[in-house]
PDB file of N, CA and C in Angstrom:
ATOM      1  N   MET A   1      12.337  -9.990  11.092  1.00  0.00           N
ATOM      2  CA  MET A   1      11.390 -10.550  10.170  1.00  0.00           C
ATOM      3  C   MET A   1       9.996 -10.415  10.777  1.00  0.00           C
ATOM      4  N   SER A   2       9.067  -9.999   9.964  1.00  0.00           N
ATOM      5  CA  SER A   2       7.696  -9.791  10.414  1.00  0.00           C
ATOM      6  C   SER A   2       6.803 -10.908   9.879  1.00  0.00           C
ATOM      7  N   ILE A   3       5.947 -11.421  10.757  1.00  0.00           N
ATOM      8  CA  ILE A   3       5.049 -12.493  10.347  1.00  0.00           C
ATOM      9  C   ILE A   3       3.611 -12.151  10.711  1.00  0.00           C
ATOM     10  N   TRP A   4       2.693 -12.704   9.941  1.00  0.00           N
ATOM     11  CA  TRP A   4       1.258 -12.620  10.215  1.00  0.00           C
ATOM     12  C   TRP A   4       0.746 -14.053  10.194  1.00  0.00           C
ATOM     13  N   GLY A   5       0.408 -14.562  11.349  1.00  0.00           N
ATOM     14  CA  GLY A   5       0.041 -15.968  11.444  1.00  0.00           C
ATOM     15  C   GLY A   5       1.255 -16.817  11.111  1.00  0.00           C
ATOM     16  N   ASN A   6       1.142 -17.636  10.076  1.00  0.00           N
ATOM     17  CA  ASN A   6       2.268 -18.446   9.605  1.00  0.00           C
ATOM     18  C   ASN A   6       2.884 -17.893   8.322  1.00  0.00           C
ATOM     19  N   THR A   7       2.560 -16.649   7.991  1.00  0.00           N
ATOM     20  CA  THR A   7       3.014 -16.055   6.737  1.00  0.00           C
ATOM     21  C   THR A   7       4.104 -15.021   6.991  1.00  0.00           C
ATOM     22  N   LEU A   8       5.217 -15.147   6.291  1.00  0.00           N
ATOM     23  CA  LEU A   8       6.294 -14.169   6.369  1.00  0.00           C
ATOM     24  C   LEU A   8       5.878 -12.946   5.559  1.00  0.00           C
ATOM     25  N   VAL A   9       5.806 -11.805   6.227  1.00  0.00           N
ATOM     26  CA  VAL A   9       5.337 -10.573   5.596  1.00  0.00           C
ATOM     27  C   VAL A   9       6.507  -9.692   5.171  1.00  0.00           C
ATOM     28  N   ASP A  10       7.563  -9.657   5.961  1.00  0.00           N
ATOM     29  CA  ASP A  10       8.720  -8.821   5.662  1.00  0.00           C
ATOM     30  C   ASP A  10       9.971  -9.550   6.126  1.00  0.00           C
ATOM     31  N   GLY A  11      11.053  -9.456   5.373  1.00  0.00           N
ATOM     32  CA  GLY A  11      12.307 -10.081   5.750  1.00  0.00           C
ATOM     33  C   GLY A  11      12.644 -11.314   4.935  1.00  0.00           C
ATOM     34  N   HIS A  12      12.154 -11.362   3.701  1.00  0.00           N
ATOM     35  CA  HIS A  12      12.385 -12.535   2.865  1.00  0.00           C
ATOM     36  C   HIS A  12      13.868 -12.758   2.566  1.00  0.00           C
ATOM     37  N   ASN A  13      14.611 -11.684   2.317  1.00  0.00           N
ATOM     38  CA  ASN A  13      16.044 -11.835   2.050  1.00  0.00           C
ATOM     39  C   ASN A  13      16.782 -12.343   3.280  1.00  0.00           C
ATOM     40  N   ARG A  14      16.453 -11.792   4.445  1.00  0.00           N
ATOM     41  CA  ARG A  14      17.077 -12.261   5.687  1.00  0.00           C
ATOM     42  C   ARG A  14      16.760 -13.723   5.930  1.00  0.00           C
ATOM     43  N   TYR A  15      15.525 -14.112   5.642  1.00  0.00           N
ATOM     44  CA  TYR A  15      15.120 -15.501   5.835  1.00  0.00           C
ATOM     45  C   TYR A  15      15.949 -16.436   4.959  1.00  0.00           C
ATOM     46  N   ALA A  16      16.169 -16.036   3.717  1.00  0.00           N
ATOM     47  CA  ALA A  16      16.972 -16.857   2.807  1.00  0.00           C
ATOM     48  C   ALA A  16      18.407 -16.998   3.323  1.00  0.00           C
ATOM     49  N   ILE A  17      18.965 -15.919   3.844  1.00  0.00           N
ATOM     50  CA  ILE A  17      20.317 -15.963   4.412  1.00  0.00           C
ATOM     51  C   ILE A  17      20.349 -16.874   5.628  1.00  0.00           C
ATOM     52  N   LEU A  18      19.330 -16.758   6.480  1.00  0.00           N
ATOM     53  CA  LEU A  18      19.284 -17.582   7.689  1.00  0.00           C
ATOM     54  C   LEU A  18      19.127 -19.065   7.371  1.00  0.00           C
ATOM     55  N   GLN A  19      18.485 -19.388   6.272  1.00  0.00           N
ATOM     56  CA  GLN A  19      18.350 -20.786   5.871  1.00  0.00           C
ATOM     57  C   GLN A  19      19.710 -21.378   5.496  1.00  0.00           C
ATOM     58  N   LYS A  20      20.585 -20.527   4.946  1.00  0.00           N
ATOM     59  CA  LYS A  20      21.924 -20.979   4.567  1.00  0.00           C
ATOM     60  C   LYS A  20      22.877 -21.031   5.765  1.00  0.00           C
ATOM     61  N   HIS A  21      22.537 -20.290   6.819  1.00  0.00           N
ATOM     62  CA  HIS A  21      23.399 -20.199   8.002  1.00  0.00           C
ATOM     63  C   HIS A  21      22.581 -20.474   9.263  1.00  0.00           C
ATOM     64  N   PRO A  22      22.287 -21.728   9.545  1.00  0.00           N
ATOM     65  CA  PRO A  22      21.450 -22.056  10.708  1.00  0.00           C
ATOM     66  C   PRO A  22      22.082 -21.707  12.051  1.00  0.00           C
ATOM     67  N   GLU A  23      23.373 -21.389  12.069  1.00  0.00           N
ATOM     68  CA  GLU A  23      24.025 -21.017  13.320  1.00  0.00           C
ATOM     69  C   GLU A  23      23.662 -19.595  13.779  1.00  0.00           C
ATOM     70  N   ILE A  24      23.073 -18.808  12.906  1.00  0.00           N
ATOM     71  CA  ILE A  24      22.689 -17.438  13.255  1.00  0.00           C
ATOM     72  C   ILE A  24      21.329 -17.458  13.953  1.00  0.00           C
ATOM     73  N   CYS A  25      21.269 -16.842  15.132  1.00  0.00           N
ATOM     74  CA  CYS A  25      20.004 -16.745  15.870  1.00  0.00           C
ATOM     75  C   CYS A  25      19.182 -15.591  15.313  1.00  0.00           C
ATOM     76  N   PHE A  26      17.876 -15.743  15.357  1.00  0.00           N
ATOM     77  CA  PHE A  26      17.002 -14.672  14.884  1.00  0.00           C
ATOM     78  C   PHE A  26      15.686 -14.718  15.645  1.00  0.00           C
ATOM     79  N   SER A  27      14.955 -13.644  15.533  1.00  0.00           N
ATOM     80  CA  SER A  27      13.621 -13.595  16.130  1.00  0.00           C
ATOM     81  C   SER A  27      12.645 -13.036  15.098  1.00  0.00           C
ATOM     82  N   THR A  28      11.386 -13.275  15.345  1.00  0.00           N
ATOM     83  CA  THR A  28      10.346 -12.752  14.460  1.00  0.00           C
ATOM     84  C   THR A  28       9.450 -11.801  15.238  1.00  0.00           C
ATOM     85  N   MET A  29       8.832 -10.888  14.522  1.00  0.00           N
ATOM     86  CA  MET A  29       7.913  -9.942  15.128  1.00  0.00           C
ATOM     87  C   MET A  29       6.522 -10.214  14.561  1.00  0.00           C
ATOM     88  N   PRO A  30       5.604 -10.690  15.402  1.00  0.00           N
ATOM     89  CA  PRO A  30       4.244 -10.931  14.893  1.00  0.00           C
ATOM     90  C   PRO A  30       3.503  -9.615  14.669  1.00  0.00           C
ATOM     91  N   LEU A  31       2.793  -9.542  13.568  1.00  0.00           N
ATOM     92  CA  LEU A  31       1.977  -8.368  13.244  1.00  0.00           C
ATOM     93  C   LEU A  31       0.509  -8.767  13.324  1.00  0.00           C
ATOM     94  N   LEU A  32      -0.302  -7.874  13.825  1.00  0.00           N
ATOM     95  CA  LEU A  32      -1.730  -8.154  13.970  1.00  0.00           C
ATOM     96  C   LEU A  32      -2.514  -7.433  12.877  1.00  0.00           C
ATOM     97  N   PHE A  33      -3.143  -8.211  12.036  1.00  0.00           N
ATOM     98  CA  PHE A  33      -3.992  -7.682  10.972  1.00  0.00           C
ATOM     99  C   PHE A  33      -5.304  -8.436  10.992  1.00  0.00           C
ATOM    100  N   GLU A  34      -6.344  -7.776  10.522  1.00  0.00           N
ATOM    101  CA  GLU A  34      -7.660  -8.403  10.481  1.00  0.00           C
ATOM    102  C   GLU A  34      -7.895  -9.192   9.193  1.00  0.00           C
ATOM    103  N   SER A  35      -7.175  -8.816   8.109  1.00  0.00           N
ATOM    104  CA  SER A  35      -7.442  -9.458   6.827  1.00  0.00           C
ATOM    105  C   SER A  35      -6.197  -9.451   5.951  1.00  0.00           C
ATOM    106  N   ARG A  36      -6.261 -10.234   4.895  1.00  0.00           N
ATOM    107  CA  ARG A  36      -5.181 -10.284   3.917  1.00  0.00           C
ATOM    108  C   ARG A  36      -4.991  -8.920   3.250  1.00  0.00           C
ATOM    109  N   GLU A  37      -6.076  -8.205   3.030  1.00  0.00           N
ATOM    110  CA  GLU A  37      -5.992  -6.887   2.397  1.00  0.00           C
ATOM    111  C   GLU A  37      -5.223  -5.900   3.266  1.00  0.00           C
ATOM    112  N   GLU A  38      -5.414  -5.982   4.590  1.00  0.00           N
ATOM    113  CA  GLU A  38      -4.653  -5.115   5.493  1.00  0.00           C
ATOM    114  C   GLU A  38      -3.166  -5.446   5.418  1.00  0.00           C
ATOM    115  N   VAL A  39      -2.840  -6.720   5.282  1.00  0.00           N
ATOM    116  CA  VAL A  39      -1.445  -7.136   5.149  1.00  0.00           C
ATOM    117  C   VAL A  39      -0.860  -6.551   3.863  1.00  0.00           C
ATOM    118  N   LEU A  40      -1.585  -6.672   2.763  1.00  0.00           N
ATOM    119  CA  LEU A  40      -1.095  -6.154   1.483  1.00  0.00           C
ATOM    120  C   LEU A  40      -0.890  -4.646   1.531  1.00  0.00           C
ATOM    121  N   ALA A  41      -1.812  -3.922   2.165  1.00  0.00           N
ATOM    122  CA  ALA A  41      -1.668  -2.473   2.291  1.00  0.00           C
ATOM    123  C   ALA A  41      -0.424  -2.143   3.114  1.00  0.00           C
ATOM    124  N   TRP A  42      -0.187  -2.889   4.186  1.00  0.00           N
ATOM    125  CA  TRP A  42       0.994  -2.661   5.030  1.00  0.00           C
ATOM    126  C   TRP A  42       2.279  -2.912   4.248  1.00  0.00           C
ATOM    127  N   ILE A  43       2.290  -3.997   3.469  1.00  0.00           N
ATOM    128  CA  ILE A  43       3.477  -4.316   2.669  1.00  0.00           C
ATOM    129  C   ILE A  43       3.771  -3.180   1.690  1.00  0.00           C
ATOM    130  N   CYS A  44       2.746  -2.700   1.010  1.00  0.00           N
ATOM    131  CA  CYS A  44       2.940  -1.613   0.045  1.00  0.00           C
ATOM    132  C   CYS A  44       3.441  -0.353   0.734  1.00  0.00           C
ATOM    133  N   LYS A  45       2.820  -0.010   1.852  1.00  0.00           N
ATOM    134  CA  LYS A  45       3.240   1.191   2.590  1.00  0.00           C
ATOM    135  C   LYS A  45       4.682   1.040   3.048  1.00  0.00           C
ATOM    136  N   ASN A  46       5.047  -0.128   3.529  1.00  0.00           N
ATOM    137  CA  ASN A  46       6.406  -0.390   3.974  1.00  0.00           C
ATOM    138  C   ASN A  46       7.393  -0.268   2.804  1.00  0.00           C
ATOM    139  N   GLN A  47       7.041  -0.808   1.657  1.00  0.00           N
ATOM    140  CA  GLN A  47       7.918  -0.748   0.489  1.00  0.00           C
ATOM    141  C   GLN A  47       8.021   0.672  -0.069  1.00  0.00           C
ATOM    142  N   LEU A  48       6.972   1.462   0.065  1.00  0.00           N
ATOM    143  CA  LEU A  48       7.017   2.846  -0.409  1.00  0.00           C
ATOM    144  C   LEU A  48       7.999   3.692   0.391  1.00  0.00           C
ATOM    145  N   GLY A  49       8.417   3.214   1.542  1.00  0.00           N
ATOM    146  CA  GLY A  49       9.416   3.924   2.345  1.00  0.00           C
ATOM    147  C   GLY A  49      10.833   3.743   1.829  1.00  0.00           C
ATOM    148  N   ARG A  50      11.017   2.861   0.875  1.00  0.00           N
ATOM    149  CA  ARG A  50      12.355   2.661   0.300  1.00  0.00           C
ATOM    150  C   ARG A  50      12.740   3.848  -0.563  1.00  0.00           C
ATOM    151  N   ARG A  51      14.014   4.200  -0.552  1.00  0.00           N
ATOM    152  CA  ARG A  51      14.484   5.355  -1.316  1.00  0.00           C
ATOM    153  C   ARG A  51      14.898   5.005  -2.734  1.00  0.00           C
ATOM    154  N   ASN A  52      15.102   3.729  -3.031  1.00  0.00           N
ATOM    155  CA  ASN A  52      15.619   3.355  -4.340  1.00  0.00           C
ATOM    156  C   ASN A  52      14.532   2.923  -5.324  1.00  0.00           C
ATOM    157  N   LEU A  53      13.304   3.341  -5.127  1.00  0.00           N
ATOM    158  CA  LEU A  53      12.220   2.979  -6.037  1.00  0.00           C
ATOM    159  C   LEU A  53      12.193   3.921  -7.233  1.00  0.00           C
ATOM    160  N   THR A  54      11.922   3.370  -8.395  1.00  0.00           N
ATOM    161  CA  THR A  54      11.710   4.203  -9.569  1.00  0.00           C
ATOM    162  C   THR A  54      10.302   4.799  -9.476  1.00  0.00           C
ATOM    163  N   PRO A  55      10.014   5.859 -10.234  1.00  0.00           N
ATOM    164  CA  PRO A  55       8.649   6.404 -10.226  1.00  0.00           C
ATOM    165  C   PRO A  55       7.609   5.356 -10.618  1.00  0.00           C
ATOM    166  N   GLU A  56       7.934   4.481 -11.561  1.00  0.00           N
ATOM    167  CA  GLU A  56       6.997   3.439 -11.974  1.00  0.00           C
ATOM    168  C   GLU A  56       6.708   2.467 -10.838  1.00  0.00           C
ATOM    169  N   GLN A  57       7.741   2.107 -10.084  1.00  0.00           N
ATOM    170  CA  GLN A  57       7.558   1.211  -8.946  1.00  0.00           C
ATOM    171  C   GLN A  57       6.692   1.874  -7.869  1.00  0.00           C
ATOM    172  N   LYS A  58       6.909   3.175  -7.651  1.00  0.00           N
ATOM    173  CA  LYS A  58       6.093   3.903  -6.671  1.00  0.00           C
ATOM    174  C   LYS A  58       4.635   3.907  -7.094  1.00  0.00           C
ATOM    175  N   TYR A  59       4.382   4.207  -8.371  1.00  0.00           N
ATOM    176  CA  TYR A  59       3.001   4.242  -8.854  1.00  0.00           C
ATOM    177  C   TYR A  59       2.346   2.872  -8.733  1.00  0.00           C
ATOM    178  N   TYR A  60       3.099   1.818  -9.050  1.00  0.00           N
ATOM    179  CA  TYR A  60       2.567   0.468  -8.945  1.00  0.00           C
ATOM    180  C   TYR A  60       2.185   0.157  -7.496  1.00  0.00           C
ATOM    181  N   LEU A  61       3.087   0.445  -6.559  1.00  0.00           N
ATOM    182  CA  LEU A  61       2.814   0.172  -5.148  1.00  0.00           C
ATOM    183  C   LEU A  61       1.663   1.023  -4.629  1.00  0.00           C
ATOM    184  N   MET A  62       1.581   2.285  -5.088  1.00  0.00           N
ATOM    185  CA  MET A  62       0.466   3.140  -4.682  1.00  0.00           C
ATOM    186  C   MET A  62      -0.853   2.545  -5.156  1.00  0.00           C
ATOM    187  N   GLY A  63      -0.874   2.037  -6.385  1.00  0.00           N
ATOM    188  CA  GLY A  63      -2.087   1.423  -6.904  1.00  0.00           C
ATOM    189  C   GLY A  63      -2.466   0.168  -6.145  1.00  0.00           C
ATOM    190  N   LYS A  64      -1.469  -0.658  -5.833  1.00  0.00           N
ATOM    191  CA  LYS A  64      -1.733  -1.869  -5.058  1.00  0.00           C
ATOM    192  C   LYS A  64      -2.223  -1.526  -3.658  1.00  0.00           C
ATOM    193  N   GLN A  65      -1.627  -0.514  -3.051  1.00  0.00           N
ATOM    194  CA  GLN A  65      -2.065  -0.092  -1.717  1.00  0.00           C
ATOM    195  C   GLN A  65      -3.503   0.411  -1.765  1.00  0.00           C
ATOM    196  N   TYR A  66      -3.814   1.192  -2.772  1.00  0.00           N
ATOM    197  CA  TYR A  66      -5.175   1.703  -2.936  1.00  0.00           C
ATOM    198  C   TYR A  66      -6.168   0.554  -3.071  1.00  0.00           C
ATOM    199  N   GLU A  67      -5.852  -0.421  -3.934  1.00  0.00           N
ATOM    200  CA  GLU A  67      -6.747  -1.562  -4.136  1.00  0.00           C
ATOM    201  C   GLU A  67      -6.943  -2.361  -2.844  1.00  0.00           C
ATOM    202  N   ALA A  68      -5.860  -2.558  -2.104  1.00  0.00           N
ATOM    203  CA  ALA A  68      -5.944  -3.325  -0.855  1.00  0.00           C
ATOM    204  C   ALA A  68      -6.771  -2.580   0.188  1.00  0.00           C
ATOM    205  N   GLU A  69      -6.562  -1.271   0.310  1.00  0.00           N
ATOM    206  CA  GLU A  69      -7.340  -0.486   1.277  1.00  0.00           C
ATOM    207  C   GLU A  69      -8.808  -0.448   0.897  1.00  0.00           C
ATOM    208  N   LYS A  70      -9.078  -0.331  -0.395  1.00  0.00           N
ATOM    209  CA  LYS A  70     -10.455  -0.310  -0.874  1.00  0.00           C
ATOM    210  C   LYS A  70     -11.140  -1.646  -0.575  1.00  0.00           C
ATOM    211  N   ALA A  71     -10.430  -2.756  -0.833  1.00  0.00           N
ATOM    212  CA  ALA A  71     -10.999  -4.081  -0.592  1.00  0.00           C
ATOM    213  C   ALA A  71     -11.153  -4.364   0.898  1.00  0.00           C
ATOM    214  N   ALA A  72     -10.285  -3.802   1.723  1.00  0.00           N
ATOM    215  CA  ALA A  72     -10.335  -4.053   3.172  1.00  0.00           C
ATOM    216  C   ALA A  72     -11.582  -3.450   3.805  1.00  0.00           C
ATOM    217  N   HIS A  73     -12.135  -2.410   3.189  1.00  0.00           N
ATOM    218  CA  HIS A  73     -13.321  -1.769   3.766  1.00  0.00           C
ATOM    219  C   HIS A  73     -14.561  -2.641   3.615  1.00  0.00           C
ATOM    220  N   GLY A  74     -14.567  -3.492   2.589  1.00  0.00           N
ATOM    221  CA  GLY A  74     -15.673  -4.435   2.408  1.00  0.00           C
ATOM    222  C   GLY A  74     -17.022  -3.760   2.260  1.00  0.00           C
ATOM    223  N   GLY A  75     -18.072  -4.502   2.570  1.00  0.00           N
ATOM    224  CA  GLY A  75     -19.413  -3.940   2.538  1.00  0.00           C
ATOM    225  C   GLY A  75     -20.098  -4.101   1.203  1.00  0.00           C
ATOM    226  N   ASP A  76     -21.256  -3.471   1.082  1.00  0.00           N
ATOM    227  CA  ASP A  76     -22.089  -3.534  -0.111  1.00  0.00           C
ATOM    228  C   ASP A  76     -21.519  -2.608  -1.173  1.00  0.00           C
ATOM    229  N   ARG A  77     -20.979  -3.173  -2.228  1.00  0.00           N
ATOM    230  CA  ARG A  77     -20.389  -2.358  -3.292  1.00  0.00           C
ATOM    231  C   ARG A  77     -21.206  -2.429  -4.582  1.00  0.00           C
ATOM    232  N   LYS A  78     -22.334  -3.143  -4.554  1.00  0.00           N
ATOM    233  CA  LYS A  78     -23.083  -3.330  -5.788  1.00  0.00           C
ATOM    234  C   LYS A  78     -24.270  -2.383  -5.928  1.00  0.00           C
ATOM    235  N   SER A  79     -24.865  -1.953  -4.821  1.00  0.00           N
ATOM    236  CA  SER A  79     -26.025  -1.077  -4.932  1.00  0.00           C
ATOM    237  C   SER A  79     -25.582   0.323  -5.342  1.00  0.00           C
ATOM    238  N   SER A  80     -26.470   1.061  -5.993  1.00  0.00           N
ATOM    239  CA  SER A  80     -26.129   2.407  -6.443  1.00  0.00           C
ATOM    240  C   SER A  80     -25.879   3.341  -5.272  1.00  0.00           C
ATOM    241  N   ASP A  81     -26.574   3.150  -4.138  1.00  0.00           N
ATOM    242  CA  ASP A  81     -26.338   3.986  -2.956  1.00  0.00           C
ATOM    243  C   ASP A  81     -24.930   3.784  -2.413  1.00  0.00           C
ATOM    244  N   ALA A  82     -24.486   2.545  -2.338  1.00  0.00           N
ATOM    245  CA  ALA A  82     -23.150   2.249  -1.816  1.00  0.00           C
ATOM    246  C   ALA A  82     -22.079   2.829  -2.728  1.00  0.00           C
ATOM    247  N   LYS A  83     -22.273   2.727  -4.033  1.00  0.00           N
ATOM    248  CA  LYS A  83     -21.278   3.245  -4.970  1.00  0.00           C
ATOM    249  C   LYS A  83     -21.159   4.754  -4.856  1.00  0.00           C
ATOM    250  N   SER A  84     -22.270   5.450  -4.835  1.00  0.00           N
ATOM    251  CA  SER A  84     -22.192   6.905  -4.807  1.00  0.00           C
ATOM    252  C   SER A  84     -21.639   7.419  -3.487  1.00  0.00           C
ATOM    253  N   SER A  85     -22.028   6.833  -2.368  1.00  0.00           N
ATOM    254  CA  SER A  85     -21.550   7.348  -1.087  1.00  0.00           C
ATOM    255  C   SER A  85     -20.084   7.024  -0.857  1.00  0.00           C
ATOM    256  N   SER A  86     -19.660   5.810  -1.178  1.00  0.00           N
ATOM    257  CA  SER A  86     -18.270   5.450  -0.897  1.00  0.00           C
ATOM    258  C   SER A  86     -17.306   6.097  -1.879  1.00  0.00           C
ATOM    259  N   LEU A  87     -17.671   6.174  -3.144  1.00  0.00           N
ATOM    260  CA  LEU A  87     -16.752   6.749  -4.112  1.00  0.00           C
ATOM    261  C   LEU A  87     -16.675   8.264  -4.008  1.00  0.00           C
ATOM    262  N   ASN A  88     -17.805   8.919  -3.851  1.00  0.00           N
ATOM    263  CA  ASN A  88     -17.788  10.373  -3.829  1.00  0.00           C
ATOM    264  C   ASN A  88     -17.297  10.951  -2.509  1.00  0.00           C
ATOM    265  N   ALA A  89     -17.753  10.422  -1.404  1.00  0.00           N
ATOM    266  CA  ALA A  89     -17.417  11.014  -0.116  1.00  0.00           C
ATOM    267  C   ALA A  89     -16.118  10.494   0.465  1.00  0.00           C
ATOM    268  N   ASN A  90     -15.783   9.263   0.188  1.00  0.00           N
ATOM    269  CA  ASN A  90     -14.691   8.637   0.921  1.00  0.00           C
ATOM    270  C   ASN A  90     -13.374   8.556   0.164  1.00  0.00           C
ATOM    271  N   LEU A  91     -13.401   8.318  -1.155  1.00  0.00           N
ATOM    272  CA  LEU A  91     -12.166   8.013  -1.846  1.00  0.00           C
ATOM    273  C   LEU A  91     -11.466   9.209  -2.488  1.00  0.00           C
ATOM    274  N   SER A  92     -12.192  10.219  -2.911  1.00  0.00           N
ATOM    275  CA  SER A  92     -11.595  11.402  -3.532  1.00  0.00           C
ATOM    276  C   SER A  92     -10.584  11.024  -4.605  1.00  0.00           C
ATOM    277  N   LEU A  93     -11.032  10.329  -5.621  1.00  0.00           N
ATOM    278  CA  LEU A  93     -10.139   9.895  -6.683  1.00  0.00           C
ATOM    279  C   LEU A  93      -9.815  11.049  -7.610  1.00  0.00           C
ATOM    280  N   SER A  94      -8.632  11.001  -8.214  1.00  0.00           N
ATOM    281  CA  SER A  94      -8.263  12.079  -9.111  1.00  0.00           C
ATOM    282  C   SER A  94      -7.442  11.561 -10.272  1.00  0.00           C
ATOM    283  N   GLY A  95      -7.605  12.191 -11.423  1.00  0.00           N
ATOM    284  CA  GLY A  95      -6.755  11.965 -12.570  1.00  0.00           C
ATOM    285  C   GLY A  95      -6.785  10.549 -13.126  1.00  0.00           C
ATOM    286  N   PRO A  96      -5.995  10.330 -14.165  1.00  0.00           N
ATOM    287  CA  PRO A  96      -5.993   9.023 -14.826  1.00  0.00           C
ATOM    288  C   PRO A  96      -5.389   7.909 -13.969  1.00  0.00           C
ATOM    289  N   LEU A  97      -4.555   8.241 -12.980  1.00  0.00           N
ATOM    290  CA  LEU A  97      -3.985   7.204 -12.121  1.00  0.00           C
ATOM    291  C   LEU A  97      -4.964   6.754 -11.054  1.00  0.00           C
ATOM    292  N   ARG A  98      -6.008   7.523 -10.817  1.00  0.00           N
ATOM    293  CA  ARG A  98      -7.061   7.202  -9.859  1.00  0.00           C
ATOM    294  C   ARG A  98      -6.491   6.868  -8.480  1.00  0.00           C
ATOM    295  N   ALA A  99      -5.599   7.708  -8.003  1.00  0.00           N
ATOM    296  CA  ALA A  99      -4.995   7.509  -6.685  1.00  0.00           C
ATOM    297  C   ALA A  99      -5.606   8.480  -5.688  1.00  0.00           C
ATOM    298  N   ARG A 100      -5.774   8.023  -4.461  1.00  0.00           N
ATOM    299  CA  ARG A 100      -6.279   8.897  -3.420  1.00  0.00           C
ATOM    300  C   ARG A 100      -5.185   9.865  -2.994  1.00  0.00           C
ATOM    301  N   LYS A 101      -5.593  11.070  -2.600  1.00  0.00           N
ATOM    302  CA  LYS A 101      -4.636  12.072  -2.143  1.00  0.00           C
ATOM    303  C   LYS A 101      -3.826  11.517  -0.971  1.00  0.00           C
ATOM    304  N   LYS A 102      -4.479  10.819  -0.045  1.00  0.00           N
ATOM    305  CA  LYS A 102      -3.800  10.248   1.118  1.00  0.00           C
ATOM    306  C   LYS A 102      -2.694   9.293   0.681  1.00  0.00           C
ATOM    307  N   THR A 103      -2.978   8.457  -0.316  1.00  0.00           N
ATOM    308  CA  THR A 103      -1.990   7.487  -0.793  1.00  0.00           C
ATOM    309  C   THR A 103      -0.812   8.204  -1.429  1.00  0.00           C
ATOM    310  N   ILE A 104      -1.087   9.241  -2.202  1.00  0.00           N
ATOM    311  CA  ILE A 104      -0.026  10.003  -2.855  1.00  0.00           C
ATOM    312  C   ILE A 104       0.864  10.657  -1.811  1.00  0.00           C
ATOM    313  N   LEU A 105       0.271  11.277  -0.822  1.00  0.00           N
ATOM    314  CA  LEU A 105       1.055  11.949   0.205  1.00  0.00           C
ATOM    315  C   LEU A 105       1.854  10.952   1.034  1.00  0.00           C
ATOM    316  N   GLN A 106       1.302   9.781   1.300  1.00  0.00           N
ATOM    317  CA  GLN A 106       2.036   8.771   2.054  1.00  0.00           C
ATOM    318  C   GLN A 106       3.231   8.255   1.271  1.00  0.00           C
ATOM    319  N   ALA A 107       3.193   8.336  -0.023  1.00  0.00           N
ATOM    320  CA  ALA A 107       4.283   7.848  -0.857  1.00  0.00           C
ATOM    321  C   ALA A 107       5.390   8.887  -1.011  1.00  0.00           C
ATOM    322  N   ASN A 108       5.352   9.924  -0.206  1.00  0.00           N
ATOM    323  CA  ASN A 108       6.368  10.962  -0.177  1.00  0.00           C
ATOM    324  C   ASN A 108       6.483  11.728  -1.487  1.00  0.00           C
ATOM    325  N   LEU A 109       5.414  11.771  -2.250  1.00  0.00           N
ATOM    326  CA  LEU A 109       5.434  12.583  -3.460  1.00  0.00           C
ATOM    327  C   LEU A 109       5.093  14.024  -3.126  1.00  0.00           C
ATOM    328  N   GLY A 110       4.433  14.186  -1.983  1.00  0.00           N
ATOM    329  CA  GLY A 110       4.246  15.507  -1.422  1.00  0.00           C
ATOM    330  C   GLY A 110       3.191  16.378  -2.066  1.00  0.00           C
ATOM    331  N   TRP A 111       2.945  17.467  -1.409  1.00  0.00           N
ATOM    332  CA  TRP A 111       1.935  18.439  -1.807  1.00  0.00           C
ATOM    333  C   TRP A 111       2.243  19.051  -3.154  1.00  0.00           C
ATOM    334  N   PHE A 112       3.515  19.386  -3.405  1.00  0.00           N
ATOM    335  CA  PHE A 112       3.855  20.063  -4.647  1.00  0.00           C
ATOM    336  C   PHE A 112       3.516  19.221  -5.868  1.00  0.00           C
ATOM    337  N   MET A 113       3.886  17.971  -5.853  1.00  0.00           N
ATOM    338  CA  MET A 113       3.607  17.118  -7.005  1.00  0.00           C
ATOM    339  C   MET A 113       2.117  16.897  -7.176  1.00  0.00           C
ATOM    340  N   TYR A 114       1.411  16.820  -6.066  1.00  0.00           N
ATOM    341  CA  TYR A 114      -0.031  16.602  -6.142  1.00  0.00           C
ATOM    342  C   TYR A 114      -0.728  17.769  -6.821  1.00  0.00           C
ATOM    343  N   HIS A 115      -0.258  18.990  -6.552  1.00  0.00           N
ATOM    344  CA  HIS A 115      -0.913  20.174  -7.098  1.00  0.00           C
ATOM    345  C   HIS A 115      -0.224  20.734  -8.343  1.00  0.00           C
ATOM    346  N   SER A 116       0.890  20.189  -8.720  1.00  0.00           N
ATOM    347  CA  SER A 116       1.638  20.704  -9.852  1.00  0.00           C
ATOM    348  C   SER A 116       0.872  20.505 -11.159  1.00  0.00           C
ATOM    349  N   LYS A 117       0.942  21.475 -12.026  1.00  0.00           N
ATOM    350  CA  LYS A 117       0.282  21.353 -13.331  1.00  0.00           C
ATOM    351  C   LYS A 117       0.980  20.343 -14.227  1.00  0.00           C
ATOM    352  N   ASN A 118       2.227  20.024 -13.941  1.00  0.00           N
ATOM    353  CA  ASN A 118       2.993  19.098 -14.771  1.00  0.00           C
ATOM    354  C   ASN A 118       3.071  17.712 -14.162  1.00  0.00           C
ATOM    355  N   SER A 119       2.124  17.357 -13.312  1.00  0.00           N
ATOM    356  CA  SER A 119       2.232  16.091 -12.591  1.00  0.00           C
ATOM    357  C   SER A 119       1.433  14.949 -13.232  1.00  0.00           C
ATOM    358  N   ARG A 120       1.185  15.025 -14.511  1.00  0.00           N
ATOM    359  CA  ARG A 120       0.499  13.935 -15.240  1.00  0.00           C
ATOM    360  C   ARG A 120      -0.857  13.592 -14.657  1.00  0.00           C
ATOM    361  N   GLY A 121      -1.661  14.588 -14.335  1.00  0.00           N
ATOM    362  CA  GLY A 121      -3.020  14.339 -13.909  1.00  0.00           C
ATOM    363  C   GLY A 121      -3.178  14.067 -12.420  1.00  0.00           C
ATOM    364  N   LEU A 122      -2.148  14.311 -11.618  1.00  0.00           N
ATOM    365  CA  LEU A 122      -2.266  14.056 -10.190  1.00  0.00           C
ATOM    366  C   LEU A 122      -2.889  15.227  -9.426  1.00  0.00           C
ATOM    367  N   ARG A 123      -3.009  16.366 -10.069  1.00  0.00           N
ATOM    368  CA  ARG A 123      -3.575  17.512  -9.342  1.00  0.00           C
ATOM    369  C   ARG A 123      -5.086  17.414  -9.281  1.00  0.00           C
ATOM    370  N   GLN A 124      -5.681  18.232  -8.416  1.00  0.00           N
ATOM    371  CA  GLN A 124      -7.141  18.193  -8.237  1.00  0.00           C
ATOM    372  C   GLN A 124      -7.848  18.738  -9.442  1.00  0.00           C
TER     373      GLN A 124
END
């Protein structure tokens, strides 16, 4: 089970089982994060490693990961200079799903789907 401070980040099912069986010994692994957004991005990335996700679940987690990573960067997001520099140079958004190439590749959708003409707007 992974924890951040006093918050359980991963291992909720195991925790529920351990509550029913106090005779079972367990340990926790503390994770070091700077912010709640970093925790959310880690959770999404960790969940994207599951093999039993539907495409809709993958897209949802990719979007949540993108939002968390974007929010974790912080800074001035209201001035026109900040918007143009961060959106154009840093995020490389594409298509109607507005997912970063890095996020798509991390979700194991791979290069082919990213560049495929039939990928529902995921290509460049």
